[in-house]
Amino acid sequence: MAIVGAIQDGIKGDFSTLAVKSVLDLIIIALMTSSLGKGCAFATIPIFIFEGLITLLARLISPLMTELAIAYLSLVGSILIFCVGVNLVWGKKFRVANMLPTVLLAVLAAYLPLNW
């Protein structure tokens, strides 16, 4: 959600995925802070920097992105988020981190001279 949400925010200006992720992060950090101490709240700093850099980089490449590339990116991102949900419900079935290169491949596939 961090990567796809930040890219969607940078290209389209749609921060809805990042807003949902921030609410989830708030709940998780609140639980971690209650059990591990107030130092857990500082975990928000690298997350903010990471998502901010991805958003800024997405703004730089936004003139190069077509509607089809954005649609492919959103599709692959939604599938990856679904896989995370499956892992949460039924145990570790998918290695989602190994699937992250598909985000780049999805965007590159949009520029292939094929008509589906």
PDB file of N, CA and C in Angstrom:
ATOM      1  N   MET A   1       0.821  -1.187   0.000  1.00  0.00           N
ATOM      2  CA  MET A   1       0.000   0.000   0.000  1.00  0.00           C
ATOM      3  C   MET A   1       0.864   1.250   0.000  1.00  0.00           C
ATOM      4  N   ALA A   2       2.018   1.163   0.619  1.00  0.00           N
ATOM      5  CA  ALA A   2       2.892   2.336   0.679  1.00  0.00           C
ATOM      6  C   ALA A   2       3.397   2.702  -0.703  1.00  0.00           C
ATOM      7  N   ILE A   3       3.819   1.717  -1.459  1.00  0.00           N
ATOM      8  CA  ILE A   3       4.388   1.997  -2.778  1.00  0.00           C
ATOM      9  C   ILE A   3       3.303   2.414  -3.759  1.00  0.00           C
ATOM     10  N   VAL A   4       2.253   1.617  -3.856  1.00  0.00           N
ATOM     11  CA  VAL A   4       1.192   1.913  -4.821  1.00  0.00           C
ATOM     12  C   VAL A   4       0.465   3.197  -4.444  1.00  0.00           C
ATOM     13  N   GLY A   5       0.196   3.392  -3.169  1.00  0.00           N
ATOM     14  CA  GLY A   5      -0.487   4.608  -2.728  1.00  0.00           C
ATOM     15  C   GLY A   5       0.331   5.859  -2.994  1.00  0.00           C
ATOM     16  N   ALA A   6       1.631   5.773  -2.757  1.00  0.00           N
ATOM     17  CA  ALA A   6       2.497   6.933  -3.000  1.00  0.00           C
ATOM     18  C   ALA A   6       2.599   7.231  -4.491  1.00  0.00           C
ATOM     19  N   ILE A   7       2.648   6.188  -5.320  1.00  0.00           N
ATOM     20  CA  ILE A   7       2.696   6.414  -6.769  1.00  0.00           C
ATOM     21  C   ILE A   7       1.387   7.014  -7.263  1.00  0.00           C
ATOM     22  N   GLN A   8       0.263   6.513  -6.767  1.00  0.00           N
ATOM     23  CA  GLN A   8      -1.025   7.078  -7.160  1.00  0.00           C
ATOM     24  C   GLN A   8      -1.148   8.525  -6.699  1.00  0.00           C
ATOM     25  N   ASP A   9      -0.633   8.824  -5.531  1.00  0.00           N
ATOM     26  CA  ASP A   9      -0.663  10.202  -5.041  1.00  0.00           C
ATOM     27  C   ASP A   9       0.199  11.104  -5.912  1.00  0.00           C
ATOM     28  N   GLY A  10       1.373  10.634  -6.293  1.00  0.00           N
ATOM     29  CA  GLY A  10       2.267  11.450  -7.097  1.00  0.00           C
ATOM     30  C   GLY A  10       1.787  11.666  -8.517  1.00  0.00           C
ATOM     31  N   ILE A  11       1.138  10.664  -9.106  1.00  0.00           N
ATOM     32  CA  ILE A  11       0.728  10.764 -10.503  1.00  0.00           C
ATOM     33  C   ILE A  11      -0.655  11.378 -10.642  1.00  0.00           C
ATOM     34  N   LYS A  12      -1.606  10.870  -9.885  1.00  0.00           N
ATOM     35  CA  LYS A  12      -2.994  11.324 -10.026  1.00  0.00           C
ATOM     36  C   LYS A  12      -3.410  12.362  -8.992  1.00  0.00           C
ATOM     37  N   GLY A  13      -2.678  12.423  -7.888  1.00  0.00           N
ATOM     38  CA  GLY A  13      -3.103  13.282  -6.793  1.00  0.00           C
ATOM     39  C   GLY A  13      -4.143  12.609  -5.909  1.00  0.00           C
ATOM     40  N   ASP A  14      -4.305  11.292  -6.060  1.00  0.00           N
ATOM     41  CA  ASP A  14      -5.276  10.513  -5.291  1.00  0.00           C
ATOM     42  C   ASP A  14      -4.561   9.895  -4.093  1.00  0.00           C
ATOM     43  N   PHE A  15      -4.813  10.421  -2.917  1.00  0.00           N
ATOM     44  CA  PHE A  15      -4.127   9.954  -1.726  1.00  0.00           C
ATOM     45  C   PHE A  15      -4.981   9.017  -0.886  1.00  0.00           C
ATOM     46  N   SER A  16      -6.056   8.467  -1.445  1.00  0.00           N
ATOM     47  CA  SER A  16      -6.973   7.637  -0.673  1.00  0.00           C
ATOM     48  C   SER A  16      -6.302   6.367  -0.149  1.00  0.00           C
ATOM     49  N   THR A  17      -5.464   5.729  -0.952  1.00  0.00           N
ATOM     50  CA  THR A  17      -4.763   4.527  -0.496  1.00  0.00           C
ATOM     51  C   THR A  17      -3.798   4.873   0.636  1.00  0.00           C
ATOM     52  N   LEU A  18      -3.119   5.997   0.527  1.00  0.00           N
ATOM     53  CA  LEU A  18      -2.219   6.422   1.606  1.00  0.00           C
ATOM     54  C   LEU A  18      -2.997   6.774   2.876  1.00  0.00           C
ATOM     55  N   ALA A  19      -4.197   7.312   2.727  1.00  0.00           N
ATOM     56  CA  ALA A  19      -5.012   7.652   3.898  1.00  0.00           C
ATOM     57  C   ALA A  19      -5.436   6.381   4.639  1.00  0.00           C
ATOM     58  N   VAL A  20      -5.843   5.357   3.891  1.00  0.00           N
ATOM     59  CA  VAL A  20      -6.220   4.090   4.518  1.00  0.00           C
ATOM     60  C   VAL A  20      -5.013   3.457   5.200  1.00  0.00           C
ATOM     61  N   LYS A  21      -3.867   3.496   4.516  1.00  0.00           N
ATOM     62  CA  LYS A  21      -2.648   2.932   5.099  1.00  0.00           C
ATOM     63  C   LYS A  21      -2.250   3.684   6.365  1.00  0.00           C
ATOM     64  N   SER A  22      -2.415   4.978   6.380  1.00  0.00           N
ATOM     65  CA  SER A  22      -2.032   5.744   7.572  1.00  0.00           C
ATOM     66  C   SER A  22      -2.927   5.404   8.763  1.00  0.00           C
ATOM     67  N   VAL A  23      -4.208   5.139   8.512  1.00  0.00           N
ATOM     68  CA  VAL A  23      -5.092   4.730   9.609  1.00  0.00           C
ATOM     69  C   VAL A  23      -4.667   3.362  10.141  1.00  0.00           C
ATOM     70  N   LEU A  24      -4.344   2.438   9.229  1.00  0.00           N
ATOM     71  CA  LEU A  24      -3.857   1.129   9.662  1.00  0.00           C
ATOM     72  C   LEU A  24      -2.545   1.254  10.435  1.00  0.00           C
ATOM     73  N   ASP A  25      -1.644   2.096   9.950  1.00  0.00           N
ATOM     74  CA  ASP A  25      -0.371   2.316  10.651  1.00  0.00           C
ATOM     75  C   ASP A  25      -0.600   2.918  12.031  1.00  0.00           C
ATOM     76  N   LEU A  26      -1.557   3.838  12.148  1.00  0.00           N
ATOM     77  CA  LEU A  26      -1.856   4.461  13.436  1.00  0.00           C
ATOM     78  C   LEU A  26      -2.305   3.418  14.451  1.00  0.00           C
ATOM     79  N   ILE A  27      -3.160   2.506  14.009  1.00  0.00           N
ATOM     80  CA  ILE A  27      -3.638   1.453  14.917  1.00  0.00           C
ATOM     81  C   ILE A  27      -2.495   0.540  15.330  1.00  0.00           C
ATOM     82  N   ILE A  28      -1.681   0.137  14.362  1.00  0.00           N
ATOM     83  CA  ILE A  28      -0.569  -0.769  14.667  1.00  0.00           C
ATOM     84  C   ILE A  28       0.449  -0.093  15.584  1.00  0.00           C
ATOM     85  N   ILE A  29       0.781   1.160  15.306  1.00  0.00           N
ATOM     86  CA  ILE A  29       1.749   1.878  16.151  1.00  0.00           C
ATOM     87  C   ILE A  29       1.192   2.094  17.549  1.00  0.00           C
ATOM     88  N   ALA A  30      -0.114   2.351  17.673  1.00  0.00           N
ATOM     89  CA  ALA A  30      -0.710   2.518  19.002  1.00  0.00           C
ATOM     90  C   ALA A  30      -0.605   1.229  19.809  1.00  0.00           C
ATOM     91  N   LEU A  31      -0.852   0.092  19.151  1.00  0.00           N
ATOM     92  CA  LEU A  31      -0.726  -1.189  19.851  1.00  0.00           C
ATOM     93  C   LEU A  31       0.721  -1.479  20.216  1.00  0.00           C
ATOM     94  N   MET A  32       1.622  -1.218  19.290  1.00  0.00           N
ATOM     95  CA  MET A  32       3.033  -1.467  19.574  1.00  0.00           C
ATOM     96  C   MET A  32       3.548  -0.548  20.672  1.00  0.00           C
ATOM     97  N   THR A  33       3.104   0.703  20.675  1.00  0.00           N
ATOM     98  CA  THR A  33       3.554   1.660  21.682  1.00  0.00           C
ATOM     99  C   THR A  33       3.073   1.246  23.071  1.00  0.00           C
ATOM    100  N   SER A  34       1.864   0.716  23.146  1.00  0.00           N
ATOM    101  CA  SER A  34       1.352   0.307  24.453  1.00  0.00           C
ATOM    102  C   SER A  34       2.116  -0.880  25.018  1.00  0.00           C
ATOM    103  N   SER A  35       2.656  -1.722  24.149  1.00  0.00           N
ATOM    104  CA  SER A  35       3.366  -2.891  24.673  1.00  0.00           C
ATOM    105  C   SER A  35       4.892  -2.728  24.672  1.00  0.00           C
ATOM    106  N   LEU A  36       5.436  -1.945  23.743  1.00  0.00           N
ATOM    107  CA  LEU A  36       6.890  -1.858  23.618  1.00  0.00           C
ATOM    108  C   LEU A  36       7.486  -0.515  24.046  1.00  0.00           C
ATOM    109  N   GLY A  37       6.647   0.491  24.225  1.00  0.00           N
ATOM    110  CA  GLY A  37       7.155   1.784  24.669  1.00  0.00           C
ATOM    111  C   GLY A  37       6.973   2.865  23.619  1.00  0.00           C
ATOM    112  N   LYS A  38       7.210   4.105  24.068  1.00  0.00           N
ATOM    113  CA  LYS A  38       6.938   5.255  23.204  1.00  0.00           C
ATOM    114  C   LYS A  38       7.933   5.414  22.054  1.00  0.00           C
ATOM    115  N   GLY A  39       9.012   4.680  22.068  1.00  0.00           N
ATOM    116  CA  GLY A  39       9.977   4.741  20.976  1.00  0.00           C
ATOM    117  C   GLY A  39       9.406   4.237  19.655  1.00  0.00           C
ATOM    118  N   CYS A  40       8.354   3.437  19.719  1.00  0.00           N
ATOM    119  CA  CYS A  40       7.725   2.920  18.498  1.00  0.00           C
ATOM    120  C   CYS A  40       7.119   4.041  17.658  1.00  0.00           C
ATOM    121  N   ALA A  41       6.747   5.123  18.292  1.00  0.00           N
ATOM    122  CA  ALA A  41       6.161   6.243  17.557  1.00  0.00           C
ATOM    123  C   ALA A  41       7.159   6.841  16.570  1.00  0.00           C
ATOM    124  N   PHE A  42       8.454   6.670  16.838  1.00  0.00           N
ATOM    125  CA  PHE A  42       9.472   7.197  15.934  1.00  0.00           C
ATOM    126  C   PHE A  42       9.579   6.394  14.641  1.00  0.00           C
ATOM    127  N   ALA A  43       8.886   5.280  14.551  1.00  0.00           N
ATOM    128  CA  ALA A  43       8.869   4.491  13.313  1.00  0.00           C
ATOM    129  C   ALA A  43       8.146   5.232  12.199  1.00  0.00           C
ATOM    130  N   THR A  44       7.390   6.249  12.548  1.00  0.00           N
ATOM    131  CA  THR A  44       6.681   7.016  11.525  1.00  0.00           C
ATOM    132  C   THR A  44       7.627   7.861  10.683  1.00  0.00           C
ATOM    133  N   ILE A  45       8.780   8.202  11.216  1.00  0.00           N
ATOM    134  CA  ILE A  45       9.713   9.075  10.487  1.00  0.00           C
ATOM    135  C   ILE A  45      10.246   8.421   9.222  1.00  0.00           C
ATOM    136  N   PRO A  46      10.802   7.193   9.273  1.00  0.00           N
ATOM    137  CA  PRO A  46      11.268   6.603   8.016  1.00  0.00           C
ATOM    138  C   PRO A  46      10.135   6.278   7.047  1.00  0.00           C
ATOM    139  N   ILE A  47       8.956   5.960   7.576  1.00  0.00           N
ATOM    140  CA  ILE A  47       7.812   5.695   6.697  1.00  0.00           C
ATOM    141  C   ILE A  47       7.437   6.972   5.955  1.00  0.00           C
ATOM    142  N   PHE A  48       7.410   8.095   6.661  1.00  0.00           N
ATOM    143  CA  PHE A  48       7.093   9.375   6.042  1.00  0.00           C
ATOM    144  C   PHE A  48       8.116   9.726   4.961  1.00  0.00           C
ATOM    145  N   ILE A  49       9.389   9.504   5.247  1.00  0.00           N
ATOM    146  CA  ILE A  49      10.441   9.812   4.269  1.00  0.00           C
ATOM    147  C   ILE A  49      10.320   8.894   3.054  1.00  0.00           C
ATOM    148  N   PHE A  50      10.112   7.598   3.278  1.00  0.00           N
ATOM    149  CA  PHE A  50       9.984   6.614   2.206  1.00  0.00           C
ATOM    150  C   PHE A  50       8.819   6.950   1.275  1.00  0.00           C
ATOM    151  N   GLU A  51       7.644   7.170   1.853  1.00  0.00           N
ATOM    152  CA  GLU A  51       6.467   7.470   1.038  1.00  0.00           C
ATOM    153  C   GLU A  51       6.586   8.837   0.371  1.00  0.00           C
ATOM    154  N   GLY A  52       7.197   9.791   1.049  1.00  0.00           N
ATOM    155  CA  GLY A  52       7.391  11.115   0.457  1.00  0.00           C
ATOM    156  C   GLY A  52       8.320  11.084  -0.739  1.00  0.00           C
ATOM    157  N   LEU A  53       9.403  10.317  -0.640  1.00  0.00           N
ATOM    158  CA  LEU A  53      10.329  10.203  -1.768  1.00  0.00           C
ATOM    159  C   LEU A  53       9.682   9.508  -2.965  1.00  0.00           C
ATOM    160  N   ILE A  54       8.902   8.473  -2.705  1.00  0.00           N
ATOM    161  CA  ILE A  54       8.219   7.788  -3.806  1.00  0.00           C
ATOM    162  C   ILE A  54       7.209   8.724  -4.458  1.00  0.00           C
ATOM    163  N   THR A  55       6.498   9.504  -3.660  1.00  0.00           N
ATOM    164  CA  THR A  55       5.539  10.460  -4.213  1.00  0.00           C
ATOM    165  C   THR A  55       6.240  11.508  -5.073  1.00  0.00           C
ATOM    166  N   LEU A  56       7.359  12.020  -4.597  1.00  0.00           N
ATOM    167  CA  LEU A  56       8.103  13.017  -5.376  1.00  0.00           C
ATOM    168  C   LEU A  56       8.655  12.426  -6.671  1.00  0.00           C
ATOM    169  N   LEU A  57       9.167  11.201  -6.608  1.00  0.00           N
ATOM    170  CA  LEU A  57       9.655  10.554  -7.824  1.00  0.00           C
ATOM    171  C   LEU A  57       8.519  10.278  -8.805  1.00  0.00           C
ATOM    172  N   ALA A  58       7.354   9.927  -8.276  1.00  0.00           N
ATOM    173  CA  ALA A  58       6.200   9.697  -9.146  1.00  0.00           C
ATOM    174  C   ALA A  58       5.757  10.993  -9.828  1.00  0.00           C
ATOM    175  N   ARG A  59       5.885  12.116  -9.129  1.00  0.00           N
ATOM    176  CA  ARG A  59       5.555  13.400  -9.755  1.00  0.00           C
ATOM    177  C   ARG A  59       6.510  13.720 -10.895  1.00  0.00           C
ATOM    178  N   LEU A  60       7.769  13.297 -10.748  1.00  0.00           N
ATOM    179  CA  LEU A  60       8.738  13.532 -11.816  1.00  0.00           C
ATOM    180  C   LEU A  60       8.427  12.713 -13.066  1.00  0.00           C
ATOM    181  N   ILE A  61       7.951  11.488 -12.893  1.00  0.00           N
ATOM    182  CA  ILE A  61       7.666  10.643 -14.057  1.00  0.00           C
ATOM    183  C   ILE A  61       6.227  10.752 -14.530  1.00  0.00           C
ATOM    184  N   SER A  62       5.402  11.547 -13.860  1.00  0.00           N
ATOM    185  CA  SER A  62       3.986  11.641 -14.238  1.00  0.00           C
ATOM    186  C   SER A  62       3.755  12.115 -15.675  1.00  0.00           C
ATOM    187  N   PRO A  63       4.594  12.982 -16.261  1.00  0.00           N
ATOM    188  CA  PRO A  63       4.349  13.333 -17.668  1.00  0.00           C
ATOM    189  C   PRO A  63       4.561  12.158 -18.624  1.00  0.00           C
ATOM    190  N   LEU A  64       5.330  11.169 -18.209  1.00  0.00           N
ATOM    191  CA  LEU A  64       5.593  10.014 -19.065  1.00  0.00           C
ATOM    192  C   LEU A  64       4.542   8.922 -18.941  1.00  0.00           C
ATOM    193  N   MET A  65       3.726   8.972 -17.895  1.00  0.00           N
ATOM    194  CA  MET A  65       2.752   7.912 -17.633  1.00  0.00           C
ATOM    195  C   MET A  65       1.486   8.127 -18.445  1.00  0.00           C
ATOM    196  N   THR A  66       1.041   7.069 -19.097  1.00  0.00           N
ATOM    197  CA  THR A  66      -0.219   7.101 -19.842  1.00  0.00           C
ATOM    198  C   THR A  66      -1.339   6.582 -18.943  1.00  0.00           C
ATOM    199  N   GLU A  67      -2.565   6.740 -19.403  1.00  0.00           N
ATOM    200  CA  GLU A  67      -3.707   6.229 -18.637  1.00  0.00           C
ATOM    201  C   GLU A  67      -3.646   4.712 -18.512  1.00  0.00           C
ATOM    202  N   LEU A  68      -3.193   4.038 -19.581  1.00  0.00           N
ATOM    203  CA  LEU A  68      -3.082   2.588 -19.545  1.00  0.00           C
ATOM    204  C   LEU A  68      -2.030   2.149 -18.525  1.00  0.00           C
ATOM    205  N   ALA A  69      -0.912   2.858 -18.448  1.00  0.00           N
ATOM    206  CA  ALA A  69       0.130   2.526 -17.471  1.00  0.00           C
ATOM    207  C   ALA A  69      -0.392   2.715 -16.052  1.00  0.00           C
ATOM    208  N   ILE A  70      -1.150   3.758 -15.819  1.00  0.00           N
ATOM    209  CA  ILE A  70      -1.729   3.998 -14.494  1.00  0.00           C
ATOM    210  C   ILE A  70      -2.743   2.920 -14.156  1.00  0.00           C
ATOM    211  N   ALA A  71      -3.535   2.503 -15.149  1.00  0.00           N
ATOM    212  CA  ALA A  71      -4.515   1.444 -14.916  1.00  0.00           C
ATOM    213  C   ALA A  71      -3.827   0.121 -14.585  1.00  0.00           C
ATOM    214  N   TYR A  72      -2.766  -0.221 -15.327  1.00  0.00           N
ATOM    215  CA  TYR A  72      -2.006  -1.440 -15.038  1.00  0.00           C
ATOM    216  C   TYR A  72      -1.377  -1.379 -13.655  1.00  0.00           C
ATOM    217  N   LEU A  73      -0.843  -0.229 -13.302  1.00  0.00           N
ATOM    218  CA  LEU A  73      -0.232  -0.051 -11.989  1.00  0.00           C
ATOM    219  C   LEU A  73      -1.267  -0.250 -10.883  1.00  0.00           C
ATOM    220  N   SER A  74      -2.431   0.324 -11.049  1.00  0.00           N
ATOM    221  CA  SER A  74      -3.488   0.174 -10.050  1.00  0.00           C
ATOM    222  C   SER A  74      -3.957  -1.269  -9.948  1.00  0.00           C
ATOM    223  N   LEU A  75      -4.046  -1.956 -11.086  1.00  0.00           N
ATOM    224  CA  LEU A  75      -4.472  -3.353 -11.082  1.00  0.00           C
ATOM    225  C   LEU A  75      -3.478  -4.230 -10.330  1.00  0.00           C
ATOM    226  N   VAL A  76      -2.207  -4.100 -10.661  1.00  0.00           N
ATOM    227  CA  VAL A  76      -1.185  -4.915  -9.999  1.00  0.00           C
ATOM    228  C   VAL A  76      -1.100  -4.558  -8.518  1.00  0.00           C
ATOM    229  N   GLY A  77      -1.204  -3.289  -8.197  1.00  0.00           N
ATOM    230  CA  GLY A  77      -1.181  -2.880  -6.790  1.00  0.00           C
ATOM    231  C   GLY A  77      -2.347  -3.456  -6.008  1.00  0.00           C
ATOM    232  N   SER A  78      -3.517  -3.477  -6.609  1.00  0.00           N
ATOM    233  CA  SER A  78      -4.684  -4.055  -5.943  1.00  0.00           C
ATOM    234  C   SER A  78      -4.515  -5.553  -5.727  1.00  0.00           C
ATOM    235  N   ILE A  79      -3.930  -6.237  -6.707  1.00  0.00           N
ATOM    236  CA  ILE A  79      -3.687  -7.675  -6.560  1.00  0.00           C
ATOM    237  C   ILE A  79      -2.691  -7.928  -5.431  1.00  0.00           C
ATOM    238  N   LEU A  80      -1.652  -7.111  -5.341  1.00  0.00           N
ATOM    239  CA  LEU A  80      -0.670  -7.280  -4.264  1.00  0.00           C
ATOM    240  C   LEU A  80      -1.288  -7.027  -2.893  1.00  0.00           C
ATOM    241  N   ILE A  81      -2.149  -6.033  -2.796  1.00  0.00           N
ATOM    242  CA  ILE A  81      -2.838  -5.755  -1.533  1.00  0.00           C
ATOM    243  C   ILE A  81      -3.765  -6.914  -1.172  1.00  0.00           C
ATOM    244  N   PHE A  82      -4.417  -7.501  -2.184  1.00  0.00           N
ATOM    245  CA  PHE A  82      -5.256  -8.678  -1.955  1.00  0.00           C
ATOM    246  C   PHE A  82      -4.424  -9.843  -1.418  1.00  0.00           C
ATOM    247  N   CYS A  83      -3.233 -10.032  -1.978  1.00  0.00           N
ATOM    248  CA  CYS A  83      -2.346 -11.114  -1.518  1.00  0.00           C
ATOM    249  C   CYS A  83      -1.924 -10.900  -0.070  1.00  0.00           C
ATOM    250  N   VAL A  84      -1.690  -9.666   0.316  1.00  0.00           N
ATOM    251  CA  VAL A  84      -1.374  -9.376   1.720  1.00  0.00           C
ATOM    252  C   VAL A  84      -2.555  -9.761   2.605  1.00  0.00           C
ATOM    253  N   GLY A  85      -3.765  -9.434   2.161  1.00  0.00           N
ATOM    254  CA  GLY A  85      -4.962  -9.811   2.917  1.00  0.00           C
ATOM    255  C   GLY A  85      -5.116 -11.315   3.046  1.00  0.00           C
ATOM    256  N   VAL A  86      -4.850 -12.044   1.970  1.00  0.00           N
ATOM    257  CA  VAL A  86      -4.905 -13.511   2.024  1.00  0.00           C
ATOM    258  C   VAL A  86      -3.885 -14.036   3.032  1.00  0.00           C
ATOM    259  N   ASN A  87      -2.691 -13.445   3.034  1.00  0.00           N
ATOM    260  CA  ASN A  87      -1.668 -13.862   4.000  1.00  0.00           C
ATOM    261  C   ASN A  87      -2.108 -13.605   5.437  1.00  0.00           C
ATOM    262  N   LEU A  88      -2.810 -12.508   5.669  1.00  0.00           N
ATOM    263  CA  LEU A  88      -3.270 -12.200   7.019  1.00  0.00           C
ATOM    264  C   LEU A  88      -4.353 -13.157   7.484  1.00  0.00           C
ATOM    265  N   VAL A  89      -5.222 -13.557   6.573  1.00  0.00           N
ATOM    266  CA  VAL A  89      -6.357 -14.398   6.946  1.00  0.00           C
ATOM    267  C   VAL A  89      -5.974 -15.870   7.022  1.00  0.00           C
ATOM    268  N   TRP A  90      -5.260 -16.370   6.019  1.00  0.00           N
ATOM    269  CA  TRP A  90      -4.987 -17.808   5.928  1.00  0.00           C
ATOM    270  C   TRP A  90      -3.522 -18.181   6.119  1.00  0.00           C
ATOM    271  N   GLY A  91      -2.766 -17.356   6.733  1.00  0.00           N
ATOM    272  CA  GLY A  91      -1.354 -17.664   6.914  1.00  0.00           C
ATOM    273  C   GLY A  91      -0.557 -17.282   5.687  1.00  0.00           C
ATOM    274  N   LYS A  92       0.723 -17.475   5.757  1.00  0.00           N
ATOM    275  CA  LYS A  92       1.597 -17.022   4.672  1.00  0.00           C
ATOM    276  C   LYS A  92       1.482 -17.955   3.474  1.00  0.00           C
ATOM    277  N   LYS A  93       0.731 -17.530   2.478  1.00  0.00           N
ATOM    278  CA  LYS A  93       0.552 -18.292   1.243  1.00  0.00           C
ATOM    279  C   LYS A  93       1.330 -17.662   0.086  1.00  0.00           C
ATOM    280  N   PHE A  94       1.437 -16.332   0.086  1.00  0.00           N
ATOM    281  CA  PHE A  94       2.093 -15.611  -1.003  1.00  0.00           C
ATOM    282  C   PHE A  94       3.291 -14.840  -0.452  1.00  0.00           C
ATOM    283  N   ARG A  95       4.362 -14.830  -1.203  1.00  0.00           N
ATOM    284  CA  ARG A  95       5.523 -14.014  -0.849  1.00  0.00           C
ATOM    285  C   ARG A  95       5.396 -12.690  -1.610  1.00  0.00           C
ATOM    286  N   VAL A  96       4.720 -11.742  -0.990  1.00  0.00           N
ATOM    287  CA  VAL A  96       4.355 -10.494  -1.654  1.00  0.00           C
ATOM    288  C   VAL A  96       5.589  -9.652  -1.976  1.00  0.00           C
ATOM    289  N   ALA A  97       6.580  -9.657  -1.123  1.00  0.00           N
ATOM    290  CA  ALA A  97       7.784  -8.859  -1.389  1.00  0.00           C
ATOM    291  C   ALA A  97       8.490  -9.336  -2.658  1.00  0.00           C
ATOM    292  N   ASN A  98       8.399 -10.623  -2.949  1.00  0.00           N
ATOM    293  CA  ASN A  98       8.999 -11.136  -4.180  1.00  0.00           C
ATOM    294  C   ASN A  98       8.215 -10.720  -5.420  1.00  0.00           C
ATOM    295  N   MET A  99       6.976 -10.290  -5.221  1.00  0.00           N
ATOM    296  CA  MET A  99       6.133  -9.876  -6.338  1.00  0.00           C
ATOM    297  C   MET A  99       6.228  -8.381  -6.640  1.00  0.00           C
ATOM    298  N   LEU A 100       6.986  -7.631  -5.864  1.00  0.00           N
ATOM    299  CA  LEU A 100       7.082  -6.184  -6.067  1.00  0.00           C
ATOM    300  C   LEU A 100       7.619  -5.774  -7.441  1.00  0.00           C
ATOM    301  N   PRO A 101       8.512  -6.531  -8.064  1.00  0.00           N
ATOM    302  CA  PRO A 101       8.942  -6.132  -9.413  1.00  0.00           C
ATOM    303  C   PRO A 101       7.809  -6.116 -10.452  1.00  0.00           C
ATOM    304  N   THR A 102       6.697  -6.776 -10.149  1.00  0.00           N
ATOM    305  CA  THR A 102       5.581  -6.743 -11.100  1.00  0.00           C
ATOM    306  C   THR A 102       5.004  -5.339 -11.250  1.00  0.00           C
ATOM    307  N   VAL A 103       5.215  -4.486 -10.255  1.00  0.00           N
ATOM    308  CA  VAL A 103       4.749  -3.095 -10.380  1.00  0.00           C
ATOM    309  C   VAL A 103       5.470  -2.421 -11.548  1.00  0.00           C
ATOM    310  N   LEU A 104       6.769  -2.604 -11.623  1.00  0.00           N
ATOM    311  CA  LEU A 104       7.545  -2.045 -12.731  1.00  0.00           C
ATOM    312  C   LEU A 104       7.201  -2.735 -14.046  1.00  0.00           C
ATOM    313  N   LEU A 105       7.045  -4.052 -14.021  1.00  0.00           N
ATOM    314  CA  LEU A 105       6.706  -4.784 -15.243  1.00  0.00           C
ATOM    315  C   LEU A 105       5.333  -4.395 -15.775  1.00  0.00           C
ATOM    316  N   ALA A 106       4.401  -4.094 -14.880  1.00  0.00           N
ATOM    317  CA  ALA A 106       3.068  -3.684 -15.312  1.00  0.00           C
ATOM    318  C   ALA A 106       3.121  -2.356 -16.054  1.00  0.00           C
ATOM    319  N   VAL A 107       3.911  -1.436 -15.548  1.00  0.00           N
ATOM    320  CA  VAL A 107       4.043  -0.134 -16.218  1.00  0.00           C
ATOM    321  C   VAL A 107       4.741  -0.306 -17.560  1.00  0.00           C
ATOM    322  N   LEU A 108       5.784  -1.127 -17.596  1.00  0.00           N
ATOM    323  CA  LEU A 108       6.486  -1.364 -18.862  1.00  0.00           C
ATOM    324  C   LEU A 108       5.596  -2.066 -19.878  1.00  0.00           C
ATOM    325  N   ALA A 109       4.705  -2.936 -19.419  1.00  0.00           N
ATOM    326  CA  ALA A 109       3.794  -3.646 -20.332  1.00  0.00           C
ATOM    327  C   ALA A 109       2.825  -2.682 -21.013  1.00  0.00           C
ATOM    328  N   ALA A 110       2.544  -1.566 -20.371  1.00  0.00           N
ATOM    329  CA  ALA A 110       1.629  -0.595 -20.962  1.00  0.00           C
ATOM    330  C   ALA A 110       2.241   0.076 -22.199  1.00  0.00           C
ATOM    331  N   TYR A 111       3.544   0.057 -22.309  1.00  0.00           N
ATOM    332  CA  TYR A 111       4.218   0.705 -23.436  1.00  0.00           C
ATOM    333  C   TYR A 111       4.540  -0.264 -24.568  1.00  0.00           C
ATOM    334  N   LEU A 112       4.194  -1.541 -24.414  1.00  0.00           N
ATOM    335  CA  LEU A 112       4.399  -2.492 -25.498  1.00  0.00           C
ATOM    336  C   LEU A 112       3.431  -2.197 -26.639  1.00  0.00           C
ATOM    337  N   PRO A 113       3.852  -2.362 -27.880  1.00  0.00           N
ATOM    338  CA  PRO A 113       2.960  -2.048 -29.004  1.00  0.00           C
ATOM    339  C   PRO A 113       1.964  -3.166 -29.310  1.00  0.00           C
ATOM    340  N   LEU A 114       1.241  -3.608 -28.296  1.00  0.00           N
ATOM    341  CA  LEU A 114       0.246  -4.658 -28.465  1.00  0.00           C
ATOM    342  C   LEU A 114      -1.134  -4.106 -28.162  1.00  0.00           C
ATOM    343  N   ASN A 115      -2.124  -4.582 -28.853  1.00  0.00           N
ATOM    344  CA  ASN A 115      -3.513  -4.211 -28.561  1.00  0.00           C
ATOM    345  C   ASN A 115      -4.243  -5.418 -28.055  1.00  0.00           C
ATOM    346  N   TRP A 116      -4.779  -5.327 -26.856  1.00  0.00           N
ATOM    347  CA  TRP A 116      -5.497  -6.448 -26.267  1.00  0.00           C
ATOM    348  C   TRP A 116      -6.943  -6.354 -26.565  1.00  0.00           C
TER     349      TRP A 116
END
